[in-house]
Amino acid sequence: MRSVLLMAGLALSAAACGSDLTSGMPGPVTSHDVAITTRLGGRGPLGDTVTIHIANAGTSAAYFPQCGNQPLLLVQQFVNGQWIGGVQNFMCVASVVPGPVIVPPGGALDVVRVYQPGRYRVSVSVASDFDLSDPTPALSASFDAP
């Protein structure tokens, strides 16, 4: 958890703050009671910084496939009237801890990414078991990176 917060802090400190910021709306809640919201945090030379907030409103832990020490996030972009992609926009480093990322009941975590101008949405696979045998996608509402 500390590494997630450290990476988020580093990314936010590297981005320039802006005044025209918009917020994403909450995404749908999955059958595993996980919701994804997004918040634009600032502008930098590489794009707009977006904080992706993953919250577990359920009464049991939620499990996510790993990308490094964070959940594997897939990104879609809205182009020519349709959603395309569904790929990760961040290179995963090898994790030193095997197994999934775990968010306890009532817990949450934040992941920070940088996006070029466009309309996006983020999805993450959520399972109710450590072995990730019952994955269900959680999807954010769309957001615009100006």
Protein backbone atom coordinates (compact mmCIF):
# COMPACT_ATOMS: atom_id res chain seq x y z
CA MET A 1 0.00 0.00 0.00
CA ARG A 2 2.85 2.37 0.79
CA SER A 3 4.34 1.82 -2.68
CA VAL A 4 0.99 2.76 -4.27
CA LEU A 5 0.86 5.97 -2.24
CA LEU A 6 4.52 6.74 -2.98
CA MET A 7 4.02 6.27 -6.74
CA ALA A 8 0.86 8.39 -6.62
CA GLY A 9 2.67 11.16 -4.76
CA LEU A 10 5.58 11.13 -7.20
CA ALA A 11 3.29 11.27 -10.21
CA LEU A 12 1.23 14.10 -8.74
CA SER A 13 4.28 16.12 -7.78
CA ALA A 14 5.62 15.77 -11.32
CA ALA A 15 2.40 17.07 -12.87
CA ALA A 16 1.58 20.74 -13.07
CA CYS A 17 -1.64 21.74 -11.32
CA GLY A 18 -4.42 23.10 -13.49
CA SER A 19 -7.56 25.05 -12.80
CA ASP A 20 -9.85 23.57 -15.48
CA LEU A 21 -10.23 20.14 -13.94
CA THR A 22 -13.24 17.89 -14.36
CA SER A 23 -14.25 14.79 -12.43
CA GLY A 24 -15.43 11.42 -13.65
CA MET A 25 -18.70 10.04 -12.38
CA PRO A 26 -18.79 6.79 -10.40
CA GLY A 27 -18.74 3.67 -12.51
CA PRO A 28 -21.16 0.81 -12.12
CA VAL A 29 -20.72 -1.44 -9.10
CA THR A 30 -19.81 -5.04 -9.95
CA SER A 31 -21.28 -8.12 -8.35
CA HIS A 32 -18.23 -8.00 -6.08
CA ASP A 33 -19.23 -4.51 -4.85
CA VAL A 34 -16.23 -2.72 -6.33
CA ALA A 35 -16.58 0.73 -7.91
CA ILE A 36 -14.06 2.77 -9.88
CA THR A 37 -14.06 6.57 -9.93
CA THR A 38 -11.61 8.90 -11.65
CA ARG A 39 -10.34 12.37 -10.87
CA LEU A 40 -8.22 14.61 -13.06
CA GLY A 41 -5.38 15.99 -10.98
CA GLY A 42 -3.31 18.26 -13.19
CA ARG A 43 -1.50 18.81 -16.43
CA GLY A 44 2.07 18.07 -17.28
CA PRO A 45 4.22 17.88 -20.39
CA LEU A 46 3.33 14.20 -20.88
CA GLY A 47 -0.46 14.60 -20.50
CA ASP A 48 -3.16 14.84 -17.83
CA THR A 49 -2.68 13.11 -14.48
CA VAL A 50 -5.68 10.97 -13.51
CA THR A 51 -6.22 9.34 -10.12
CA ILE A 52 -8.15 6.08 -10.42
CA HIS A 53 -9.90 5.26 -7.13
CA ILE A 54 -10.90 1.61 -6.62
CA ALA A 55 -13.26 1.13 -3.66
CA ASN A 56 -14.55 -2.12 -2.18
CA ALA A 57 -17.99 -1.47 -0.65
CA GLY A 58 -18.55 -5.16 0.01
CA THR A 59 -18.33 -7.25 3.16
CA SER A 60 -15.55 -9.49 1.86
CA ALA A 61 -12.14 -8.91 0.28
CA ALA A 62 -11.81 -8.13 -3.43
CA TYR A 63 -8.95 -9.66 -5.44
CA PHE A 64 -7.32 -8.19 -8.57
CA PRO A 65 -4.72 -9.53 -11.01
CA GLN A 66 -1.38 -7.77 -10.48
CA CYS A 67 0.51 -5.31 -12.61
CA GLY A 68 3.65 -4.86 -10.55
CA ASN A 69 2.32 -4.17 -7.05
CA GLN A 70 -0.92 -2.58 -8.32
CA PRO A 71 -4.08 -3.95 -9.94
CA LEU A 72 -3.92 -4.58 -13.68
CA LEU A 73 -5.93 -1.72 -15.23
CA LEU A 74 -7.22 -1.90 -18.79
CA VAL A 75 -7.96 1.30 -20.70
CA GLN A 76 -10.43 1.92 -23.50
CA GLN A 77 -10.63 5.09 -25.59
CA PHE A 78 -13.77 6.46 -27.28
CA VAL A 79 -12.91 6.97 -30.96
CA ASN A 80 -15.30 7.53 -33.88
CA GLY A 81 -18.37 6.67 -31.79
CA GLN A 82 -17.09 3.43 -30.26
CA TRP A 83 -14.92 2.14 -27.41
CA ILE A 84 -11.64 0.65 -28.61
CA GLY A 85 -8.65 -0.80 -26.85
CA GLY A 86 -9.01 -2.56 -23.56
CA VAL A 87 -5.25 -2.63 -23.04
CA GLN A 88 -2.97 -1.56 -20.22
CA ASN A 89 -1.37 1.85 -20.69
CA PHE A 90 1.41 1.28 -18.19
CA MET A 91 4.30 -1.16 -18.25
CA CYS A 92 4.10 -3.75 -15.45
CA VAL A 93 7.24 -4.44 -13.48
CA ALA A 94 7.72 -7.83 -11.84
CA SER A 95 6.12 -8.03 -8.42
CA VAL A 96 8.13 -9.28 -5.46
CA VAL A 97 4.94 -10.56 -3.81
CA PRO A 98 3.11 -13.42 -5.57
CA GLY A 99 -0.66 -13.58 -5.78
CA PRO A 100 -3.35 -10.99 -6.43
CA VAL A 101 -3.72 -7.45 -5.12
CA ILE A 102 -6.16 -7.59 -2.19
CA VAL A 103 -8.50 -4.79 -1.11
CA PRO A 104 -10.23 -5.57 2.22
CA PRO A 105 -13.94 -4.91 2.86
CA GLY A 106 -14.53 -1.17 3.02
CA GLY A 107 -11.00 -0.55 1.71
CA ALA A 108 -9.80 1.40 -1.30
CA LEU A 109 -6.68 2.16 -3.25
CA ASP A 110 -5.58 4.84 -5.68
CA VAL A 111 -3.58 4.41 -8.86
CA VAL A 112 -2.23 7.38 -10.81
CA ARG A 113 -1.80 7.35 -14.59
CA VAL A 114 -1.12 9.96 -17.28
CA TYR A 115 -3.40 10.28 -20.33
CA GLN A 116 -3.12 12.15 -23.61
CA PRO A 117 -6.17 14.19 -24.74
CA GLY A 118 -9.25 12.06 -25.37
CA ARG A 119 -12.19 10.30 -23.73
CA TYR A 120 -11.36 7.17 -21.74
CA ARG A 121 -12.72 4.60 -19.32
CA VAL A 122 -10.89 2.12 -17.11
CA SER A 123 -11.75 -1.47 -16.25
CA VAL A 124 -10.30 -3.91 -13.78
CA SER A 125 -11.02 -7.60 -13.28
CA VAL A 126 -12.34 -8.32 -9.77
CA ALA A 127 -12.67 -11.71 -8.09
CA SER A 128 -14.04 -12.83 -4.74
CA ASP A 129 -11.44 -15.61 -4.38
CA PHE A 130 -7.66 -15.49 -3.99
CA ASP A 131 -7.28 -17.81 -7.00
CA LEU A 132 -9.12 -15.25 -9.24
CA SER A 133 -11.47 -18.00 -10.42
CA ASP A 134 -14.62 -15.84 -10.64
CA PRO A 135 -13.54 -12.61 -12.38
CA THR A 136 -16.07 -9.85 -13.06
CA PRO A 137 -15.14 -6.54 -14.70
CA ALA A 138 -15.55 -3.26 -12.84
CA LEU A 139 -15.79 -0.30 -15.19
CA SER A 140 -15.36 3.42 -14.55
CA ALA A 141 -17.55 6.05 -16.10
CA SER A 142 -15.94 7.79 -19.03
CA PHE A 143 -13.69 10.78 -18.40
CA ASP A 144 -12.11 13.39 -20.63
CA ALA A 145 -8.45 14.25 -20.60
CA PRO A 146 -8.57 17.75 -22.13
